[in-house]
Amino acid sequence: MSEKPVAEMSFEEAMSALEAVVSRLESGDVPLEDSIKLYERGAELKAHCQTKLAEAEEKVAQIKLDGDGQPAGTEPINPT
């Protein structure tokens, strides 16, 4: 069975996969060629997690609050 493409993973899936990669690399029991592949996958997973976090931060930044501090919809971050 092949690994799920990183681009199709949710943040939680990618974070879990990244933790597994780090754990395997830290074990020291991985042959060099496999370590390189794991490192590359880890780098891809890290970038994906960073993108997902940035997207979430942008969505949070768009939330407008009403006079009582309650969510009242969203607005563009960079209105034109």
PDB file of N, CA and C in Angstrom:
ATOM      1  N   MET A   1       0.839  -1.183   0.000  1.00  0.00           N
ATOM      2  CA  MET A   1       0.000   0.000   0.000  1.00  0.00           C
ATOM      3  C   MET A   1       0.889   1.252   0.000  1.00  0.00           C
ATOM      4  N   SER A   2       0.593   2.208  -0.886  1.00  0.00           N
ATOM      5  CA  SER A   2       1.401   3.422  -0.950  1.00  0.00           C
ATOM      6  C   SER A   2       0.891   4.445   0.054  1.00  0.00           C
ATOM      7  N   GLU A   3       1.774   5.378   0.393  1.00  0.00           N
ATOM      8  CA  GLU A   3       1.410   6.415   1.342  1.00  0.00           C
ATOM      9  C   GLU A   3       0.469   7.412   0.682  1.00  0.00           C
ATOM     10  N   LYS A   4      -0.408   7.993   1.481  1.00  0.00           N
ATOM     11  CA  LYS A   4      -1.345   8.993   0.999  1.00  0.00           C
ATOM     12  C   LYS A   4      -0.568  10.236   0.564  1.00  0.00           C
ATOM     13  N   PRO A   5      -0.920  10.818  -0.588  1.00  0.00           N
ATOM     14  CA  PRO A   5      -0.240  12.048  -1.016  1.00  0.00           C
ATOM     15  C   PRO A   5      -0.418  13.150   0.029  1.00  0.00           C
ATOM     16  N   VAL A   6       0.645  13.862   0.302  1.00  0.00           N
ATOM     17  CA  VAL A   6       0.624  14.903   1.321  1.00  0.00           C
ATOM     18  C   VAL A   6      -0.436  15.955   1.018  1.00  0.00           C
ATOM     19  N   ALA A   7      -0.578  16.326  -0.234  1.00  0.00           N
ATOM     20  CA  ALA A   7      -1.536  17.368  -0.621  1.00  0.00           C
ATOM     21  C   ALA A   7      -2.982  16.994  -0.273  1.00  0.00           C
ATOM     22  N   GLU A   8      -3.263  15.719  -0.115  1.00  0.00           N
ATOM     23  CA  GLU A   8      -4.613  15.254   0.201  1.00  0.00           C
ATOM     24  C   GLU A   8      -4.855  15.119   1.706  1.00  0.00           C
ATOM     25  N   MET A   9      -3.831  15.359   2.510  1.00  0.00           N
ATOM     26  CA  MET A   9      -3.944  15.165   3.954  1.00  0.00           C
ATOM     27  C   MET A   9      -4.538  16.383   4.651  1.00  0.00           C
ATOM     28  N   SER A  10      -5.284  16.103   5.705  1.00  0.00           N
ATOM     29  CA  SER A  10      -5.712  17.179   6.593  1.00  0.00           C
ATOM     30  C   SER A  10      -4.512  17.585   7.439  1.00  0.00           C
ATOM     31  N   PHE A  11      -4.644  18.681   8.160  1.00  0.00           N
ATOM     32  CA  PHE A  11      -3.559  19.107   9.045  1.00  0.00           C
ATOM     33  C   PHE A  11      -3.236  18.002  10.045  1.00  0.00           C
ATOM     34  N   GLU A  12      -4.264  17.423  10.643  1.00  0.00           N
ATOM     35  CA  GLU A  12      -4.058  16.396  11.665  1.00  0.00           C
ATOM     36  C   GLU A  12      -3.370  15.157  11.101  1.00  0.00           C
ATOM     37  N   GLU A  13      -3.755  14.759   9.911  1.00  0.00           N
ATOM     38  CA  GLU A  13      -3.111  13.601   9.274  1.00  0.00           C
ATOM     39  C   GLU A  13      -1.643  13.890   8.988  1.00  0.00           C
ATOM     40  N   ALA A  14      -1.382  15.077   8.461  1.00  0.00           N
ATOM     41  CA  ALA A  14      -0.003  15.447   8.123  1.00  0.00           C
ATOM     42  C   ALA A  14       0.851  15.554   9.383  1.00  0.00           C
ATOM     43  N   MET A  15       0.295  16.112  10.438  1.00  0.00           N
ATOM     44  CA  MET A  15       1.047  16.250  11.681  1.00  0.00           C
ATOM     45  C   MET A  15       1.369  14.875  12.262  1.00  0.00           C
ATOM     46  N   SER A  16       0.415  13.977  12.231  1.00  0.00           N
ATOM     47  CA  SER A  16       0.639  12.620  12.726  1.00  0.00           C
ATOM     48  C   SER A  16       1.703  11.906  11.898  1.00  0.00           C
ATOM     49  N   ALA A  17       1.629  12.065  10.582  1.00  0.00           N
ATOM     50  CA  ALA A  17       2.626  11.448   9.704  1.00  0.00           C
ATOM     51  C   ALA A  17       4.001  12.057   9.951  1.00  0.00           C
ATOM     52  N   LEU A  18       4.062  13.361  10.177  1.00  0.00           N
ATOM     53  CA  LEU A  18       5.343  14.023  10.464  1.00  0.00           C
ATOM     54  C   LEU A  18       5.930  13.506  11.772  1.00  0.00           C
ATOM     55  N   GLU A  19       5.097  13.337  12.782  1.00  0.00           N
ATOM     56  CA  GLU A  19       5.566  12.787  14.057  1.00  0.00           C
ATOM     57  C   GLU A  19       6.127  11.379  13.870  1.00  0.00           C
ATOM     58  N   ALA A  20       5.482  10.580  13.016  1.00  0.00           N
ATOM     59  CA  ALA A  20       5.955   9.220  12.752  1.00  0.00           C
ATOM     60  C   ALA A  20       7.315   9.257  12.033  1.00  0.00           C
ATOM     61  N   VAL A  21       7.466  10.176  11.089  1.00  0.00           N
ATOM     62  CA  VAL A  21       8.731  10.318  10.370  1.00  0.00           C
ATOM     63  C   VAL A  21       9.844  10.686  11.346  1.00  0.00           C
ATOM     64  N   VAL A  22       9.590  11.674  12.195  1.00  0.00           N
ATOM     65  CA  VAL A  22      10.596  12.117  13.165  1.00  0.00           C
ATOM     66  C   VAL A  22      10.977  10.973  14.091  1.00  0.00           C
ATOM     67  N   SER A  23       9.983  10.243  14.553  1.00  0.00           N
ATOM     68  CA  SER A  23      10.240   9.110  15.452  1.00  0.00           C
ATOM     69  C   SER A  23      11.129   8.066  14.784  1.00  0.00           C
ATOM     70  N   ARG A  24      10.845   7.753  13.518  1.00  0.00           N
ATOM     71  CA  ARG A  24      11.658   6.764  12.800  1.00  0.00           C
ATOM     72  C   ARG A  24      13.083   7.263  12.602  1.00  0.00           C
ATOM     73  N   LEU A  25      13.209   8.537  12.253  1.00  0.00           N
ATOM     74  CA  LEU A  25      14.546   9.092  12.043  1.00  0.00           C
ATOM     75  C   LEU A  25      15.333   9.127  13.352  1.00  0.00           C
ATOM     76  N   GLU A  26      14.671   9.472  14.441  1.00  0.00           N
ATOM     77  CA  GLU A  26      15.345   9.542  15.736  1.00  0.00           C
ATOM     78  C   GLU A  26      15.756   8.170  16.261  1.00  0.00           C
ATOM     79  N   SER A  27      15.085   7.120  15.789  1.00  0.00           N
ATOM     80  CA  SER A  27      15.399   5.774  16.267  1.00  0.00           C
ATOM     81  C   SER A  27      16.807   5.348  15.859  1.00  0.00           C
ATOM     82  N   GLY A  28      17.285   5.888  14.732  1.00  0.00           N
ATOM     83  CA  GLY A  28      18.622   5.549  14.261  1.00  0.00           C
ATOM     84  C   GLY A  28      18.713   4.186  13.608  1.00  0.00           C
ATOM     85  N   ASP A  29      17.593   3.507  13.449  1.00  0.00           N
ATOM     86  CA  ASP A  29      17.579   2.165  12.873  1.00  0.00           C
ATOM     87  C   ASP A  29      17.180   2.153  11.400  1.00  0.00           C
ATOM     88  N   VAL A  30      17.260   3.294  10.732  1.00  0.00           N
ATOM     89  CA  VAL A  30      16.817   3.397   9.348  1.00  0.00           C
ATOM     90  C   VAL A  30      18.041   3.490   8.443  1.00  0.00           C
ATOM     91  N   PRO A  31      18.108   2.651   7.407  1.00  0.00           N
ATOM     92  CA  PRO A  31      19.227   2.735   6.466  1.00  0.00           C
ATOM     93  C   PRO A  31      19.304   4.121   5.817  1.00  0.00           C
ATOM     94  N   LEU A  32      20.486   4.487   5.373  1.00  0.00           N
ATOM     95  CA  LEU A  32      20.734   5.821   4.837  1.00  0.00           C
ATOM     96  C   LEU A  32      19.749   6.204   3.736  1.00  0.00           C
ATOM     97  N   GLU A  33      19.563   5.363   2.750  1.00  0.00           N
ATOM     98  CA  GLU A  33      18.654   5.688   1.638  1.00  0.00           C
ATOM     99  C   GLU A  33      17.234   5.923   2.143  1.00  0.00           C
ATOM    100  N   ASP A  34      16.774   5.125   3.076  1.00  0.00           N
ATOM    101  CA  ASP A  34      15.437   5.299   3.649  1.00  0.00           C
ATOM    102  C   ASP A  34      15.383   6.575   4.478  1.00  0.00           C
ATOM    103  N   SER A  35      16.471   6.897   5.158  1.00  0.00           N
ATOM    104  CA  SER A  35      16.527   8.132   5.943  1.00  0.00           C
ATOM    105  C   SER A  35      16.364   9.348   5.036  1.00  0.00           C
ATOM    106  N   ILE A  36      17.002   9.313   3.880  1.00  0.00           N
ATOM    107  CA  ILE A  36      16.891  10.425   2.942  1.00  0.00           C
ATOM    108  C   ILE A  36      15.452  10.575   2.469  1.00  0.00           C
ATOM    109  N   LYS A  37      14.818   9.462   2.121  1.00  0.00           N
ATOM    110  CA  LYS A  37      13.421   9.499   1.680  1.00  0.00           C
ATOM    111  C   LYS A  37      12.513   9.992   2.800  1.00  0.00           C
ATOM    112  N   LEU A  38      12.767   9.527   4.019  1.00  0.00           N
ATOM    113  CA  LEU A  38      11.970   9.973   5.159  1.00  0.00           C
ATOM    114  C   LEU A  38      12.148  11.469   5.398  1.00  0.00           C
ATOM    115  N   TYR A  39      13.375  11.944   5.299  1.00  0.00           N
ATOM    116  CA  TYR A  39      13.650  13.370   5.494  1.00  0.00           C
ATOM    117  C   TYR A  39      12.902  14.200   4.453  1.00  0.00           C
ATOM    118  N   GLU A  40      12.926  13.752   3.201  1.00  0.00           N
ATOM    119  CA  GLU A  40      12.229  14.469   2.135  1.00  0.00           C
ATOM    120  C   GLU A  40      10.724  14.492   2.384  1.00  0.00           C
ATOM    121  N   ARG A  41      10.173  13.358   2.811  1.00  0.00           N
ATOM    122  CA  ARG A  41       8.733  13.306   3.122  1.00  0.00           C
ATOM    123  C   ARG A  41       8.431  14.201   4.323  1.00  0.00           C
ATOM    124  N   GLY A  42       9.309  14.188   5.302  1.00  0.00           N
ATOM    125  CA  GLY A  42       9.122  15.040   6.470  1.00  0.00           C
ATOM    126  C   GLY A  42       9.114  16.513   6.092  1.00  0.00           C
ATOM    127  N   ALA A  43       9.999  16.903   5.207  1.00  0.00           N
ATOM    128  CA  ALA A  43      10.051  18.296   4.756  1.00  0.00           C
ATOM    129  C   ALA A  43       8.762  18.675   4.032  1.00  0.00           C
ATOM    130  N   GLU A  44       8.244  17.758   3.222  1.00  0.00           N
ATOM    131  CA  GLU A  44       6.990  18.005   2.514  1.00  0.00           C
ATOM    132  C   GLU A  44       5.822  18.103   3.505  1.00  0.00           C
ATOM    133  N   LEU A  45       5.808  17.222   4.489  1.00  0.00           N
ATOM    134  CA  LEU A  45       4.754  17.246   5.509  1.00  0.00           C
ATOM    135  C   LEU A  45       4.808  18.544   6.327  1.00  0.00           C
ATOM    136  N   LYS A  46       6.014  18.963   6.680  1.00  0.00           N
ATOM    137  CA  LYS A  46       6.185  20.206   7.449  1.00  0.00           C
ATOM    138  C   LYS A  46       5.652  21.399   6.666  1.00  0.00           C
ATOM    139  N   ALA A  47       5.996  21.478   5.394  1.00  0.00           N
ATOM    140  CA  ALA A  47       5.529  22.579   4.548  1.00  0.00           C
ATOM    141  C   ALA A  47       4.006  22.566   4.441  1.00  0.00           C
ATOM    142  N   HIS A  48       3.429  21.384   4.320  1.00  0.00           N
ATOM    143  CA  HIS A  48       1.972  21.251   4.226  1.00  0.00           C
ATOM    144  C   HIS A  48       1.312  21.729   5.516  1.00  0.00           C
ATOM    145  N   CYS A  49       1.875  21.337   6.653  1.00  0.00           N
ATOM    146  CA  CYS A  49       1.338  21.770   7.946  1.00  0.00           C
ATOM    147  C   CYS A  49       1.429  23.287   8.080  1.00  0.00           C
ATOM    148  N   GLN A  50       2.543  23.869   7.674  1.00  0.00           N
ATOM    149  CA  GLN A  50       2.695  25.323   7.746  1.00  0.00           C
ATOM    150  C   GLN A  50       1.663  26.032   6.869  1.00  0.00           C
ATOM    151  N   THR A  51       1.400  25.494   5.691  1.00  0.00           N
ATOM    152  CA  THR A  51       0.398  26.073   4.788  1.00  0.00           C
ATOM    153  C   THR A  51      -0.983  25.998   5.408  1.00  0.00           C
ATOM    154  N   LYS A  52      -1.321  24.834   5.966  1.00  0.00           N
ATOM    155  CA  LYS A  52      -2.634  24.663   6.600  1.00  0.00           C
ATOM    156  C   LYS A  52      -2.800  25.627   7.776  1.00  0.00           C
ATOM    157  N   LEU A  53      -1.753  25.802   8.571  1.00  0.00           N
ATOM    158  CA  LEU A  53      -1.819  26.736   9.698  1.00  0.00           C
ATOM    159  C   LEU A  53      -1.989  28.167   9.211  1.00  0.00           C
ATOM    160  N   ALA A  54      -1.282  28.551   8.166  1.00  0.00           N
ATOM    161  CA  ALA A  54      -1.403  29.907   7.619  1.00  0.00           C
ATOM    162  C   ALA A  54      -2.819  30.145   7.102  1.00  0.00           C
ATOM    163  N   GLU A  55      -3.408  29.134   6.461  1.00  0.00           N
ATOM    164  CA  GLU A  55      -4.779  29.258   5.970  1.00  0.00           C
ATOM    165  C   GLU A  55      -5.749  29.448   7.134  1.00  0.00           C
ATOM    166  N   ALA A  56      -5.549  28.692   8.199  1.00  0.00           N
ATOM    167  CA  ALA A  56      -6.414  28.812   9.373  1.00  0.00           C
ATOM    168  C   ALA A  56      -6.260  30.182  10.020  1.00  0.00           C
ATOM    169  N   GLU A  57      -5.031  30.668  10.121  1.00  0.00           N
ATOM    170  CA  GLU A  57      -4.791  31.994  10.699  1.00  0.00           C
ATOM    171  C   GLU A  57      -5.478  33.074   9.872  1.00  0.00           C
ATOM    172  N   GLU A  58      -5.441  32.925   8.557  1.00  0.00           N
ATOM    173  CA  GLU A  58      -6.089  33.903   7.688  1.00  0.00           C
ATOM    174  C   GLU A  58      -7.596  33.903   7.905  1.00  0.00           C
ATOM    175  N   LYS A  59      -8.177  32.718   8.039  1.00  0.00           N
ATOM    176  CA  LYS A  59      -9.623  32.633   8.280  1.00  0.00           C
ATOM    177  C   LYS A  59      -9.995  33.275   9.610  1.00  0.00           C
ATOM    178  N   VAL A  60      -9.209  33.040  10.627  1.00  0.00           N
ATOM    179  CA  VAL A  60      -9.467  33.635  11.941  1.00  0.00           C
ATOM    180  C   VAL A  60      -9.360  35.156  11.850  1.00  0.00           C
ATOM    181  N   ALA A  61      -8.377  35.634  11.119  1.00  0.00           N
ATOM    182  CA  ALA A  61      -8.175  37.074  10.979  1.00  0.00           C
ATOM    183  C   ALA A  61      -9.338  37.738  10.257  1.00  0.00           C
ATOM    184  N   GLN A  62     -10.091  36.985   9.481  1.00  0.00           N
ATOM    185  CA  GLN A  62     -11.200  37.541   8.719  1.00  0.00           C
ATOM    186  C   GLN A  62     -12.489  37.643   9.538  1.00  0.00           C
ATOM    187  N   ILE A  63     -12.530  37.038  10.698  1.00  0.00           N
ATOM    188  CA  ILE A  63     -13.760  37.046  11.492  1.00  0.00           C
ATOM    189  C   ILE A  63     -14.008  38.447  12.044  1.00  0.00           C
ATOM    190  N   LYS A  64     -15.212  38.966  11.782  1.00  0.00           N
ATOM    191  CA  LYS A  64     -15.624  40.260  12.310  1.00  0.00           C
ATOM    192  C   LYS A  64     -16.433  40.024  13.585  1.00  0.00           C
ATOM    193  N   LEU A  65     -16.257  40.892  14.551  1.00  0.00           N
ATOM    194  CA  LEU A  65     -17.026  40.812  15.786  1.00  0.00           C
ATOM    195  C   LEU A  65     -18.009  41.968  15.840  1.00  0.00           C
ATOM    196  N   ASP A  66     -19.183  41.714  16.459  1.00  0.00           N
ATOM    197  CA  ASP A  66     -20.159  42.789  16.630  1.00  0.00           C
ATOM    198  C   ASP A  66     -19.827  43.577  17.895  1.00  0.00           C
ATOM    199  N   GLY A  67     -20.670  44.508  18.267  1.00  0.00           N
ATOM    200  CA  GLY A  67     -20.441  45.355  19.428  1.00  0.00           C
ATOM    201  C   GLY A  67     -20.326  44.602  20.730  1.00  0.00           C
ATOM    202  N   ASP A  68     -20.885  43.398  20.790  1.00  0.00           N
ATOM    203  CA  ASP A  68     -20.825  42.572  21.997  1.00  0.00           C
ATOM    204  C   ASP A  68     -19.659  41.587  21.970  1.00  0.00           C
ATOM    205  N   GLY A  69     -18.843  41.666  20.925  1.00  0.00           N
ATOM    206  CA  GLY A  69     -17.706  40.762  20.814  1.00  0.00           C
ATOM    207  C   GLY A  69     -18.055  39.391  20.263  1.00  0.00           C
ATOM    208  N   GLN A  70     -19.235  39.265  19.675  1.00  0.00           N
ATOM    209  CA  GLN A  70     -19.675  37.993  19.108  1.00  0.00           C
ATOM    210  C   GLN A  70     -19.351  37.960  17.614  1.00  0.00           C
ATOM    211  N   PRO A  71     -19.023  36.779  17.071  1.00  0.00           N
ATOM    212  CA  PRO A  71     -18.740  36.678  15.639  1.00  0.00           C
ATOM    213  C   PRO A  71     -19.941  37.169  14.828  1.00  0.00           C
ATOM    214  N   ALA A  72     -19.652  38.011  13.837  1.00  0.00           N
ATOM    215  CA  ALA A  72     -20.717  38.587  13.023  1.00  0.00           C
ATOM    216  C   ALA A  72     -20.432  38.427  11.533  1.00  0.00           C
ATOM    217  N   GLY A  73     -19.679  37.426  11.162  1.00  0.00           N
ATOM    218  CA  GLY A  73     -19.361  37.221   9.759  1.00  0.00           C
ATOM    219  C   GLY A  73     -17.875  37.373   9.518  1.00  0.00           C
ATOM    220  N   THR A  74     -17.539  37.516   8.263  1.00  0.00           N
ATOM    221  CA  THR A  74     -16.125  37.650   7.904  1.00  0.00           C
ATOM    222  C   THR A  74     -15.955  38.856   6.990  1.00  0.00           C
ATOM    223  N   GLU A  75     -14.722  39.294   6.892  1.00  0.00           N
ATOM    224  CA  GLU A  75     -14.386  40.370   5.973  1.00  0.00           C
ATOM    225  C   GLU A  75     -13.028  40.046   5.363  1.00  0.00           C
ATOM    226  N   PRO A  76     -12.772  40.557   4.166  1.00  0.00           N
ATOM    227  CA  PRO A  76     -11.463  40.293   3.547  1.00  0.00           C
ATOM    228  C   PRO A  76     -10.336  40.901   4.357  1.00  0.00           C
ATOM    229  N   ILE A  77      -9.213  40.225   4.365  1.00  0.00           N
ATOM    230  CA  ILE A  77      -8.050  40.736   5.086  1.00  0.00           C
ATOM    231  C   ILE A  77      -7.516  41.961   4.373  1.00  0.00           C
ATOM    232  N   ASN A  78      -7.485  41.911   3.045  1.00  0.00           N
ATOM    233  CA  ASN A  78      -6.980  43.034   2.251  1.00  0.00           C
ATOM    234  C   ASN A  78      -8.115  43.583   1.400  1.00  0.00           C
ATOM    235  N   PRO A  79      -9.032  44.357   1.968  1.00  0.00           N
ATOM    236  CA  PRO A  79     -10.147  44.872   1.155  1.00  0.00           C
ATOM    237  C   PRO A  79      -9.620  45.828   0.081  1.00  0.00           C
ATOM    238  N   THR A  80     -10.267  45.770  -1.079  1.00  0.00           N
ATOM    239  CA  THR A  80      -9.849  46.635  -2.185  1.00  0.00           C
ATOM    240  C   THR A  80     -10.876  47.688  -2.464  1.00  0.00           C
TER     241      THR A  80
END
